[in-house]
Amino acid sequence: MAVNLARAIYLSVCISKGYGQHLKVLVEADPIGTTDLLRLLIILQAIGLWTFTLVKLPVGALLVRLFAYSALLDLVFALYPIARISRLQMKLSKKLLTGGSFSLGIV
């Protein structure tokens, strides 16, 4: 919100220096002032990029956390059937086949 406020204030300064007028009119009236205005507009574009990207950083952090949590749950759900089946009285080949199919989510 503070970045948006700074951008609005900065945009007002740019407008007072001639932003929004045709370049031909600005160059004829004040060539040095036009160069200064163009420098100000480059900074304005940088601030504008920040207003779009700054909001997305917390969303990205949330998605990274959710992905890590999901990966941990996938690992737990894959290993849990193997731990339970290893205690059963079955042949080793049947235990491996059953545990593998449960871990893959086939059954």
PDB file of N, CA and C in Angstrom:
ATOM      1  N   MET A   1       0.821  -1.183   0.000  1.00  0.00           N
ATOM      2  CA  MET A   1       0.000   0.000   0.000  1.00  0.00           C
ATOM      3  C   MET A   1       0.871   1.254   0.000  1.00  0.00           C
ATOM      4  N   ALA A   2       1.964   1.193   0.736  1.00  0.00           N
ATOM      5  CA  ALA A   2       2.866   2.337   0.768  1.00  0.00           C
ATOM      6  C   ALA A   2       3.521   2.543  -0.591  1.00  0.00           C
ATOM      7  N   VAL A   3       3.794   1.450  -1.292  1.00  0.00           N
ATOM      8  CA  VAL A   3       4.399   1.562  -2.619  1.00  0.00           C
ATOM      9  C   VAL A   3       3.407   2.195  -3.590  1.00  0.00           C
ATOM     10  N   ASN A   4       2.132   1.831  -3.485  1.00  0.00           N
ATOM     11  CA  ASN A   4       1.119   2.444  -4.339  1.00  0.00           C
ATOM     12  C   ASN A   4       0.976   3.933  -4.054  1.00  0.00           C
ATOM     13  N   LEU A   5       1.054   4.302  -2.784  1.00  0.00           N
ATOM     14  CA  LEU A   5       0.989   5.719  -2.418  1.00  0.00           C
ATOM     15  C   LEU A   5       2.190   6.467  -2.976  1.00  0.00           C
ATOM     16  N   ALA A   6       3.377   5.878  -2.853  1.00  0.00           N
ATOM     17  CA  ALA A   6       4.577   6.518  -3.393  1.00  0.00           C
ATOM     18  C   ALA A   6       4.477   6.656  -4.902  1.00  0.00           C
ATOM     19  N   ARG A   7       3.924   5.640  -5.559  1.00  0.00           N
ATOM     20  CA  ARG A   7       3.760   5.702  -7.017  1.00  0.00           C
ATOM     21  C   ARG A   7       2.781   6.808  -7.406  1.00  0.00           C
ATOM     22  N   ALA A   8       1.703   6.963  -6.659  1.00  0.00           N
ATOM     23  CA  ALA A   8       0.725   8.009  -6.965  1.00  0.00           C
ATOM     24  C   ALA A   8       1.341   9.402  -6.791  1.00  0.00           C
ATOM     25  N   ILE A   9       2.106   9.571  -5.731  1.00  0.00           N
ATOM     26  CA  ILE A   9       2.760  10.861  -5.502  1.00  0.00           C
ATOM     27  C   ILE A   9       3.779  11.144  -6.604  1.00  0.00           C
ATOM     28  N   TYR A  10       4.551  10.131  -6.945  1.00  0.00           N
ATOM     29  CA  TYR A  10       5.567  10.293  -7.974  1.00  0.00           C
ATOM     30  C   TYR A  10       4.931  10.577  -9.333  1.00  0.00           C
ATOM     31  N   LEU A  11       3.800   9.938  -9.606  1.00  0.00           N
ATOM     32  CA  LEU A  11       3.073  10.185 -10.851  1.00  0.00           C
ATOM     33  C   LEU A  11       2.590  11.632 -10.893  1.00  0.00           C
ATOM     34  N   SER A  12       2.145  12.148  -9.767  1.00  0.00           N
ATOM     35  CA  SER A  12       1.720  13.562  -9.718  1.00  0.00           C
ATOM     36  C   SER A  12       2.881  14.500 -10.025  1.00  0.00           C
ATOM     37  N   VAL A  13       4.065  14.166  -9.527  1.00  0.00           N
ATOM     38  CA  VAL A  13       5.249  14.980  -9.821  1.00  0.00           C
ATOM     39  C   VAL A  13       5.565  14.930 -11.311  1.00  0.00           C
ATOM     40  N   CYS A  14       5.474  13.739 -11.901  1.00  0.00           N
ATOM     41  CA  CYS A  14       5.737  13.592 -13.343  1.00  0.00           C
ATOM     42  C   CYS A  14       4.723  14.371 -14.173  1.00  0.00           C
ATOM     43  N   ILE A  15       3.476  14.358 -13.765  1.00  0.00           N
ATOM     44  CA  ILE A  15       2.442  15.103 -14.493  1.00  0.00           C
ATOM     45  C   ILE A  15       2.716  16.601 -14.412  1.00  0.00           C
ATOM     46  N   SER A  16       3.165  17.068 -13.245  1.00  0.00           N
ATOM     47  CA  SER A  16       3.474  18.495 -13.116  1.00  0.00           C
ATOM     48  C   SER A  16       4.660  18.899 -13.989  1.00  0.00           C
ATOM     49  N   LYS A  17       5.528  17.934 -14.331  1.00  0.00           N
ATOM     50  CA  LYS A  17       6.685  18.229 -15.187  1.00  0.00           C
ATOM     51  C   LYS A  17       6.350  18.080 -16.675  1.00  0.00           C
ATOM     52  N   GLY A  18       5.113  17.621 -16.997  1.00  0.00           N
ATOM     53  CA  GLY A  18       4.707  17.562 -18.396  1.00  0.00           C
ATOM     54  C   GLY A  18       4.325  16.184 -18.885  1.00  0.00           C
ATOM     55  N   TYR A  19       4.293  15.195 -18.019  1.00  0.00           N
ATOM     56  CA  TYR A  19       3.919  13.842 -18.440  1.00  0.00           C
ATOM     57  C   TYR A  19       2.489  13.841 -18.959  1.00  0.00           C
ATOM     58  N   GLY A  20       2.290  13.239 -20.133  1.00  0.00           N
ATOM     59  CA  GLY A  20       0.976  13.203 -20.745  1.00  0.00           C
ATOM     60  C   GLY A  20       0.878  14.106 -21.963  1.00  0.00           C
ATOM     61  N   GLN A  21       1.834  14.982 -22.133  1.00  0.00           N
ATOM     62  CA  GLN A  21       1.853  15.840 -23.312  1.00  0.00           C
ATOM     63  C   GLN A  21       2.660  15.155 -24.416  1.00  0.00           C
ATOM     64  N   HIS A  22       2.479  15.635 -25.637  1.00  0.00           N
ATOM     65  CA  HIS A  22       3.235  15.084 -26.755  1.00  0.00           C
ATOM     66  C   HIS A  22       4.717  15.422 -26.608  1.00  0.00           C
ATOM     67  N   LEU A  23       5.563  14.499 -27.021  1.00  0.00           N
ATOM     68  CA  LEU A  23       7.005  14.682 -26.893  1.00  0.00           C
ATOM     69  C   LEU A  23       7.492  15.870 -27.724  1.00  0.00           C
ATOM     70  N   LYS A  24       6.891  16.068 -28.871  1.00  0.00           N
ATOM     71  CA  LYS A  24       7.290  17.179 -29.738  1.00  0.00           C
ATOM     72  C   LYS A  24       7.072  18.520 -29.038  1.00  0.00           C
ATOM     73  N   VAL A  25       5.954  18.656 -28.382  1.00  0.00           N
ATOM     74  CA  VAL A  25       5.650  19.908 -27.659  1.00  0.00           C
ATOM     75  C   VAL A  25       6.629  20.108 -26.511  1.00  0.00           C
ATOM     76  N   LEU A  26       6.930  19.017 -25.794  1.00  0.00           N
ATOM     77  CA  LEU A  26       7.853  19.131 -24.657  1.00  0.00           C
ATOM     78  C   LEU A  26       9.262  19.496 -25.108  1.00  0.00           C
ATOM     79  N   VAL A  27       9.732  18.882 -26.194  1.00  0.00           N
ATOM     80  CA  VAL A  27      11.088  19.168 -26.676  1.00  0.00           C
ATOM     81  C   VAL A  27      11.197  20.602 -27.174  1.00  0.00           C
ATOM     82  N   GLU A  28      10.173  21.090 -27.849  1.00  0.00           N
ATOM     83  CA  GLU A  28      10.201  22.473 -28.330  1.00  0.00           C
ATOM     84  C   GLU A  28      10.177  23.466 -27.174  1.00  0.00           C
ATOM     85  N   ALA A  29       9.434  23.161 -26.133  1.00  0.00           N
ATOM     86  CA  ALA A  29       9.321  24.093 -25.008  1.00  0.00           C
ATOM     87  C   ALA A  29      10.565  24.068 -24.122  1.00  0.00           C
ATOM     88  N   ASP A  30      11.023  22.874 -23.758  1.00  0.00           N
ATOM     89  CA  ASP A  30      12.153  22.781 -22.821  1.00  0.00           C
ATOM     90  C   ASP A  30      12.880  21.453 -23.041  1.00  0.00           C
ATOM     91  N   PRO A  31      13.946  21.447 -23.844  1.00  0.00           N
ATOM     92  CA  PRO A  31      14.637  20.184 -24.126  1.00  0.00           C
ATOM     93  C   PRO A  31      15.297  19.560 -22.892  1.00  0.00           C
ATOM     94  N   ILE A  32      15.872  20.381 -22.032  1.00  0.00           N
ATOM     95  CA  ILE A  32      16.537  19.855 -20.831  1.00  0.00           C
ATOM     96  C   ILE A  32      15.506  19.314 -19.843  1.00  0.00           C
ATOM     97  N   GLY A  33      14.408  20.029 -19.711  1.00  0.00           N
ATOM     98  CA  GLY A  33      13.332  19.550 -18.835  1.00  0.00           C
ATOM     99  C   GLY A  33      12.727  18.247 -19.340  1.00  0.00           C
ATOM    100  N   THR A  34      12.694  18.079 -20.673  1.00  0.00           N
ATOM    101  CA  THR A  34      12.182  16.837 -21.257  1.00  0.00           C
ATOM    102  C   THR A  34      13.101  15.671 -20.919  1.00  0.00           C
ATOM    103  N   THR A  35      14.404  15.916 -20.954  1.00  0.00           N
ATOM    104  CA  THR A  35      15.361  14.860 -20.586  1.00  0.00           C
ATOM    105  C   THR A  35      15.180  14.474 -19.129  1.00  0.00           C
ATOM    106  N   ASP A  36      14.989  15.448 -18.279  1.00  0.00           N
ATOM    107  CA  ASP A  36      14.747  15.154 -16.861  1.00  0.00           C
ATOM    108  C   ASP A  36      13.449  14.375 -16.677  1.00  0.00           C
ATOM    109  N   LEU A  37      12.437  14.738 -17.443  1.00  0.00           N
ATOM    110  CA  LEU A  37      11.158  14.035 -17.364  1.00  0.00           C
ATOM    111  C   LEU A  37      11.313  12.578 -17.781  1.00  0.00           C
ATOM    112  N   LEU A  38      12.086  12.335 -18.820  1.00  0.00           N
ATOM    113  CA  LEU A  38      12.295  10.956 -19.262  1.00  0.00           C
ATOM    114  C   LEU A  38      13.014  10.128 -18.200  1.00  0.00           C
ATOM    115  N   ARG A  39      13.944  10.736 -17.494  1.00  0.00           N
ATOM    116  CA  ARG A  39      14.610  10.039 -16.377  1.00  0.00           C
ATOM    117  C   ARG A  39      13.597   9.726 -15.266  1.00  0.00           C
ATOM    118  N   LEU A  40      12.728  10.680 -14.990  1.00  0.00           N
ATOM    119  CA  LEU A  40      11.706  10.449 -13.972  1.00  0.00           C
ATOM    120  C   LEU A  40      10.757   9.323 -14.391  1.00  0.00           C
ATOM    121  N   LEU A  41      10.454   9.227 -15.680  1.00  0.00           N
ATOM    122  CA  LEU A  41       9.550   8.192 -16.154  1.00  0.00           C
ATOM    123  C   LEU A  41      10.164   6.797 -16.055  1.00  0.00           C
ATOM    124  N   ILE A  42      11.476   6.714 -16.215  1.00  0.00           N
ATOM    125  CA  ILE A  42      12.141   5.417 -16.032  1.00  0.00           C
ATOM    126  C   ILE A  42      11.993   4.955 -14.587  1.00  0.00           C
ATOM    127  N   ILE A  43      12.166   5.867 -13.656  1.00  0.00           N
ATOM    128  CA  ILE A  43      11.985   5.531 -12.236  1.00  0.00           C
ATOM    129  C   ILE A  43      10.530   5.168 -11.960  1.00  0.00           C
ATOM    130  N   LEU A  44       9.611   5.886 -12.598  1.00  0.00           N
ATOM    131  CA  LEU A  44       8.189   5.580 -12.430  1.00  0.00           C
ATOM    132  C   LEU A  44       7.861   4.164 -12.914  1.00  0.00           C
ATOM    133  N   GLN A  45       8.464   3.751 -14.003  1.00  0.00           N
ATOM    134  CA  GLN A  45       8.241   2.391 -14.489  1.00  0.00           C
ATOM    135  C   GLN A  45       8.785   1.363 -13.508  1.00  0.00           C
ATOM    136  N   ALA A  46       9.929   1.640 -12.910  1.00  0.00           N
ATOM    137  CA  ALA A  46      10.491   0.717 -11.926  1.00  0.00           C
ATOM    138  C   ALA A  46       9.572   0.595 -10.706  1.00  0.00           C
ATOM    139  N   ILE A  47       9.041   1.707 -10.254  1.00  0.00           N
ATOM    140  CA  ILE A  47       8.106   1.667  -9.122  1.00  0.00           C
ATOM    141  C   ILE A  47       6.839   0.919  -9.519  1.00  0.00           C
ATOM    142  N   GLY A  48       6.396   1.119 -10.761  1.00  0.00           N
ATOM    143  CA  GLY A  48       5.211   0.406 -11.244  1.00  0.00           C
ATOM    144  C   GLY A  48       5.415  -1.104 -11.254  1.00  0.00           C
ATOM    145  N   LEU A  49       6.606  -1.546 -11.631  1.00  0.00           N
ATOM    146  CA  LEU A  49       6.894  -2.985 -11.587  1.00  0.00           C
ATOM    147  C   LEU A  49       6.853  -3.514 -10.160  1.00  0.00           C
ATOM    148  N   TRP A  50       7.357  -2.740  -9.230  1.00  0.00           N
ATOM    149  CA  TRP A  50       7.323  -3.162  -7.828  1.00  0.00           C
ATOM    150  C   TRP A  50       5.892  -3.310  -7.321  1.00  0.00           C
ATOM    151  N   THR A  51       4.983  -2.435  -7.783  1.00  0.00           N
ATOM    152  CA  THR A  51       3.606  -2.525  -7.294  1.00  0.00           C
ATOM    153  C   THR A  51       2.948  -3.823  -7.744  1.00  0.00           C
ATOM    154  N   PHE A  52       3.381  -4.364  -8.882  1.00  0.00           N
ATOM    155  CA  PHE A  52       2.804  -5.627  -9.343  1.00  0.00           C
ATOM    156  C   PHE A  52       3.492  -6.839  -8.724  1.00  0.00           C
ATOM    157  N   THR A  53       4.798  -6.773  -8.535  1.00  0.00           N
ATOM    158  CA  THR A  53       5.527  -7.952  -8.059  1.00  0.00           C
ATOM    159  C   THR A  53       5.546  -8.068  -6.545  1.00  0.00           C
ATOM    160  N   LEU A  54       5.498  -6.966  -5.845  1.00  0.00           N
ATOM    161  CA  LEU A  54       5.578  -7.006  -4.383  1.00  0.00           C
ATOM    162  C   LEU A  54       4.405  -7.757  -3.773  1.00  0.00           C
ATOM    163  N   VAL A  55       3.252  -7.669  -4.397  1.00  0.00           N
ATOM    164  CA  VAL A  55       2.054  -8.334  -3.894  1.00  0.00           C
ATOM    165  C   VAL A  55       2.169  -9.851  -4.058  1.00  0.00           C
ATOM    166  N   LYS A  56       2.898 -10.305  -5.051  1.00  0.00           N
ATOM    167  CA  LYS A  56       2.962 -11.728  -5.362  1.00  0.00           C
ATOM    168  C   LYS A  56       3.987 -12.483  -4.524  1.00  0.00           C
ATOM    169  N   LEU A  57       4.863 -11.815  -3.830  1.00  0.00           N
ATOM    170  CA  LEU A  57       5.873 -12.502  -3.025  1.00  0.00           C
ATOM    171  C   LEU A  57       5.269 -13.342  -1.897  1.00  0.00           C
ATOM    172  N   PRO A  58       4.318 -12.846  -1.109  1.00  0.00           N
ATOM    173  CA  PRO A  58       3.726 -13.694  -0.069  1.00  0.00           C
ATOM    174  C   PRO A  58       2.980 -14.896  -0.647  1.00  0.00           C
ATOM    175  N   VAL A  59       2.366 -14.728  -1.812  1.00  0.00           N
ATOM    176  CA  VAL A  59       1.668 -15.849  -2.446  1.00  0.00           C
ATOM    177  C   VAL A  59       2.667 -16.928  -2.832  1.00  0.00           C
ATOM    178  N   GLY A  60       3.809 -16.528  -3.361  1.00  0.00           N
ATOM    179  CA  GLY A  60       4.856 -17.487  -3.703  1.00  0.00           C
ATOM    180  C   GLY A  60       5.379 -18.216  -2.483  1.00  0.00           C
ATOM    181  N   ALA A  61       5.563 -17.500  -1.376  1.00  0.00           N
ATOM    182  CA  ALA A  61       6.027 -18.139  -0.145  1.00  0.00           C
ATOM    183  C   ALA A  61       5.001 -19.144   0.366  1.00  0.00           C
ATOM    184  N   LEU A  62       3.726 -18.812   0.261  1.00  0.00           N
ATOM    185  CA  LEU A  62       2.671 -19.738   0.672  1.00  0.00           C
ATOM    186  C   LEU A  62       2.684 -20.999  -0.182  1.00  0.00           C
ATOM    187  N   LEU A  63       2.850 -20.845  -1.487  1.00  0.00           N
ATOM    188  CA  LEU A  63       2.875 -22.003  -2.374  1.00  0.00           C
ATOM    189  C   LEU A  63       4.072 -22.904  -2.089  1.00  0.00           C
ATOM    190  N   VAL A  64       5.209 -22.315  -1.753  1.00  0.00           N
ATOM    191  CA  VAL A  64       6.385 -23.120  -1.407  1.00  0.00           C
ATOM    192  C   VAL A  64       6.113 -23.922  -0.137  1.00  0.00           C
ATOM    193  N   ARG A  65       5.492 -23.297   0.851  1.00  0.00           N
ATOM    194  CA  ARG A  65       5.156 -24.020   2.086  1.00  0.00           C
ATOM    195  C   ARG A  65       4.171 -25.146   1.826  1.00  0.00           C
ATOM    196  N   LEU A  66       3.154 -24.879   1.018  1.00  0.00           N
ATOM    197  CA  LEU A  66       2.171 -25.913   0.709  1.00  0.00           C
ATOM    198  C   LEU A  66       2.802 -27.070  -0.058  1.00  0.00           C
ATOM    199  N   PHE A  67       3.725 -26.758  -0.961  1.00  0.00           N
ATOM    200  CA  PHE A  67       4.400 -27.814  -1.708  1.00  0.00           C
ATOM    201  C   PHE A  67       5.240 -28.686  -0.778  1.00  0.00           C
ATOM    202  N   ALA A  68       5.950 -28.063   0.169  1.00  0.00           N
ATOM    203  CA  ALA A  68       6.769 -28.832   1.109  1.00  0.00           C
ATOM    204  C   ALA A  68       5.888 -29.711   1.995  1.00  0.00           C
ATOM    205  N   TYR A  69       4.758 -29.177   2.451  1.00  0.00           N
ATOM    206  CA  TYR A  69       3.831 -29.939   3.282  1.00  0.00           C
ATOM    207  C   TYR A  69       3.239 -31.102   2.496  1.00  0.00           C
ATOM    208  N   SER A  70       2.895 -30.857   1.250  1.00  0.00           N
ATOM    209  CA  SER A  70       2.333 -31.898   0.397  1.00  0.00           C
ATOM    210  C   SER A  70       3.355 -32.998   0.126  1.00  0.00           C
ATOM    211  N   ALA A  71       4.599 -32.619  -0.113  1.00  0.00           N
ATOM    212  CA  ALA A  71       5.649 -33.608  -0.360  1.00  0.00           C
ATOM    213  C   ALA A  71       5.885 -34.467   0.879  1.00  0.00           C
ATOM    214  N   LEU A  72       5.832 -33.850   2.058  1.00  0.00           N
ATOM    215  CA  LEU A  72       6.003 -34.613   3.299  1.00  0.00           C
ATOM    216  C   LEU A  72       4.859 -35.602   3.490  1.00  0.00           C
ATOM    217  N   LEU A  73       3.638 -35.163   3.234  1.00  0.00           N
ATOM    218  CA  LEU A  73       2.497 -36.077   3.360  1.00  0.00           C
ATOM    219  C   LEU A  73       2.561 -37.213   2.338  1.00  0.00           C
ATOM    220  N   ASP A  74       3.006 -36.922   1.131  1.00  0.00           N
ATOM    221  CA  ASP A  74       3.165 -37.979   0.131  1.00  0.00           C
ATOM    222  C   ASP A  74       4.167 -39.024   0.601  1.00  0.00           C
ATOM    223  N   LEU A  75       5.250 -38.583   1.181  1.00  0.00           N
ATOM    224  CA  LEU A  75       6.257 -39.512   1.687  1.00  0.00           C
ATOM    225  C   LEU A  75       5.703 -40.353   2.830  1.00  0.00           C
ATOM    226  N   VAL A  76       4.967 -39.735   3.747  1.00  0.00           N
ATOM    227  CA  VAL A  76       4.382 -40.474   4.876  1.00  0.00           C
ATOM    228  C   VAL A  76       3.373 -41.499   4.377  1.00  0.00           C
ATOM    229  N   PHE A  77       2.509 -41.099   3.443  1.00  0.00           N
ATOM    230  CA  PHE A  77       1.500 -42.029   2.933  1.00  0.00           C
ATOM    231  C   PHE A  77       2.109 -43.138   2.089  1.00  0.00           C
ATOM    232  N   ALA A  78       3.280 -42.915   1.522  1.00  0.00           N
ATOM    233  CA  ALA A  78       3.945 -43.955   0.751  1.00  0.00           C
ATOM    234  C   ALA A  78       4.638 -44.963   1.658  1.00  0.00           C
ATOM    235  N   LEU A  79       5.177 -44.502   2.785  1.00  0.00           N
ATOM    236  CA  LEU A  79       5.921 -45.401   3.672  1.00  0.00           C
ATOM    237  C   LEU A  79       5.052 -46.068   4.729  1.00  0.00           C
ATOM    238  N   TYR A  80       3.916 -45.513   5.052  1.00  0.00           N
ATOM    239  CA  TYR A  80       3.050 -46.077   6.097  1.00  0.00           C
ATOM    240  C   TYR A  80       2.585 -47.502   5.787  1.00  0.00           C
ATOM    241  N   PRO A  81       2.110 -47.813   4.577  1.00  0.00           N
ATOM    242  CA  PRO A  81       1.678 -49.191   4.316  1.00  0.00           C
ATOM    243  C   PRO A  81       2.817 -50.203   4.429  1.00  0.00           C
ATOM    244  N   ILE A  82       4.020 -49.805   4.043  1.00  0.00           N
ATOM    245  CA  ILE A  82       5.150 -50.726   4.135  1.00  0.00           C
ATOM    246  C   ILE A  82       5.442 -51.060   5.586  1.00  0.00           C
ATOM    247  N   ALA A  83       5.360 -50.068   6.461  1.00  0.00           N
ATOM    248  CA  ALA A  83       5.610 -50.327   7.885  1.00  0.00           C
ATOM    249  C   ALA A  83       4.531 -51.235   8.475  1.00  0.00           C
ATOM    250  N   ARG A  84       3.295 -51.053   8.060  1.00  0.00           N
ATOM    251  CA  ARG A  84       2.207 -51.886   8.593  1.00  0.00           C
ATOM    252  C   ARG A  84       2.258 -53.308   8.037  1.00  0.00           C
ATOM    253  N   ILE A  85       2.551 -53.443   6.765  1.00  0.00           N
ATOM    254  CA  ILE A  85       2.552 -54.764   6.129  1.00  0.00           C
ATOM    255  C   ILE A  85       3.753 -55.588   6.573  1.00  0.00           C
ATOM    256  N   SER A  86       4.843 -54.948   6.937  1.00  0.00           N
ATOM    257  CA  SER A  86       6.033 -55.697   7.348  1.00  0.00           C
ATOM    258  C   SER A  86       5.787 -56.518   8.613  1.00  0.00           C
ATOM    259  N   ARG A  87       4.783 -56.185   9.383  1.00  0.00           N
ATOM    260  CA  ARG A  87       4.473 -56.919  10.616  1.00  0.00           C
ATOM    261  C   ARG A  87       3.564 -58.128  10.376  1.00  0.00           C
ATOM    262  N   LEU A  88       3.008 -58.261   9.189  1.00  0.00           N
ATOM    263  CA  LEU A  88       2.092 -59.363   8.901  1.00  0.00           C
ATOM    264  C   LEU A  88       2.861 -60.665   8.669  1.00  0.00           C
ATOM    265  N   GLN A  89       2.152 -61.773   8.870  1.00  0.00           N
ATOM    266  CA  GLN A  89       2.758 -63.085   8.648  1.00  0.00           C
ATOM    267  C   GLN A  89       2.482 -63.506   7.215  1.00  0.00           C
ATOM    268  N   MET A  90       3.338 -63.058   6.321  1.00  0.00           N
ATOM    269  CA  MET A  90       3.226 -63.377   4.906  1.00  0.00           C
ATOM    270  C   MET A  90       4.620 -63.662   4.377  1.00  0.00           C
ATOM    271  N   LYS A  91       4.675 -64.220   3.157  1.00  0.00           N
ATOM    272  CA  LYS A  91       5.968 -64.388   2.499  1.00  0.00           C
ATOM    273  C   LYS A  91       6.517 -63.006   2.156  1.00  0.00           C
ATOM    274  N   LEU A  92       7.827 -62.933   2.097  1.00  0.00           N
ATOM    275  CA  LEU A  92       8.487 -61.654   1.819  1.00  0.00           C
ATOM    276  C   LEU A  92       8.078 -61.105   0.449  1.00  0.00           C
ATOM    277  N   SER A  93       7.953 -61.973  -0.533  1.00  0.00           N
ATOM    278  CA  SER A  93       7.582 -61.505  -1.875  1.00  0.00           C
ATOM    279  C   SER A  93       6.179 -60.898  -1.875  1.00  0.00           C
ATOM    280  N   LYS A  94       5.244 -61.520  -1.134  1.00  0.00           N
ATOM    281  CA  LYS A  94       3.882 -60.973  -1.046  1.00  0.00           C
ATOM    282  C   LYS A  94       3.875 -59.650  -0.281  1.00  0.00           C
ATOM    283  N   LYS A  95       4.699 -59.564   0.767  1.00  0.00           N
ATOM    284  CA  LYS A  95       4.788 -58.312   1.529  1.00  0.00           C
ATOM    285  C   LYS A  95       5.282 -57.179   0.633  1.00  0.00           C
ATOM    286  N   LEU A  96       6.336 -57.461  -0.152  1.00  0.00           N
ATOM    287  CA  LEU A  96       6.893 -56.425  -1.018  1.00  0.00           C
ATOM    288  C   LEU A  96       5.897 -56.013  -2.100  1.00  0.00           C
ATOM    289  N   LEU A  97       5.222 -56.983  -2.687  1.00  0.00           N
ATOM    290  CA  LEU A  97       4.253 -56.684  -3.726  1.00  0.00           C
ATOM    291  C   LEU A  97       3.066 -55.893  -3.171  1.00  0.00           C
ATOM    292  N   THR A  98       2.548 -56.330  -2.032  1.00  0.00           N
ATOM    293  CA  THR A  98       1.408 -55.637  -1.420  1.00  0.00           C
ATOM    294  C   THR A  98       1.810 -54.236  -0.935  1.00  0.00           C
ATOM    295  N   GLY A  99       2.946 -54.137  -0.268  1.00  0.00           N
ATOM    296  CA  GLY A  99       3.422 -52.830   0.210  1.00  0.00           C
ATOM    297  C   GLY A  99       3.701 -51.871  -0.926  1.00  0.00           C
ATOM    298  N   GLY A 100       4.295 -52.379  -1.994  1.00  0.00           N
ATOM    299  CA  GLY A 100       4.559 -51.530  -3.157  1.00  0.00           C
ATOM    300  C   GLY A 100       3.293 -51.036  -3.816  1.00  0.00           C
ATOM    301  N   SER A 101       2.300 -51.921  -3.940  1.00  0.00           N
ATOM    302  CA  SER A 101       1.059 -51.487  -4.578  1.00  0.00           C
ATOM    303  C   SER A 101       0.288 -50.508  -3.691  1.00  0.00           C
ATOM    304  N   PHE A 102       0.299 -50.730  -2.374  1.00  0.00           N
ATOM    305  CA  PHE A 102      -0.325 -49.755  -1.473  1.00  0.00           C
ATOM    306  C   PHE A 102       0.394 -48.416  -1.507  1.00  0.00           C
ATOM    307  N   SER A 103       1.722 -48.447  -1.565  1.00  0.00           N
ATOM    308  CA  SER A 103       2.487 -47.203  -1.568  1.00  0.00           C
ATOM    309  C   SER A 103       2.263 -46.397  -2.831  1.00  0.00           C
ATOM    310  N   LEU A 104       2.028 -47.071  -3.941  1.00  0.00           N
ATOM    311  CA  LEU A 104       1.775 -46.368  -5.194  1.00  0.00           C
ATOM    312  C   LEU A 104       0.339 -45.911  -5.322  1.00  0.00           C
ATOM    313  N   GLY A 105      -0.524 -46.387  -4.426  1.00  0.00           N
ATOM    314  CA  GLY A 105      -1.929 -46.001  -4.464  1.00  0.00           C
ATOM    315  C   GLY A 105      -2.727 -46.795  -5.471  1.00  0.00           C
ATOM    316  N   ILE A 106      -2.231 -47.955  -5.843  1.00  0.00           N
ATOM    317  CA  ILE A 106      -2.931 -48.766  -6.840  1.00  0.00           C
ATOM    318  C   ILE A 106      -4.163 -49.412  -6.245  1.00  0.00           C
ATOM    319  N   VAL A 107      -4.075 -49.873  -5.017  1.00  0.00           N
ATOM    320  CA  VAL A 107      -5.196 -50.592  -4.389  1.00  0.00           C
ATOM    321  C   VAL A 107      -6.009 -49.621  -3.564  1.00  0.00           C
TER     322      VAL A 107
END
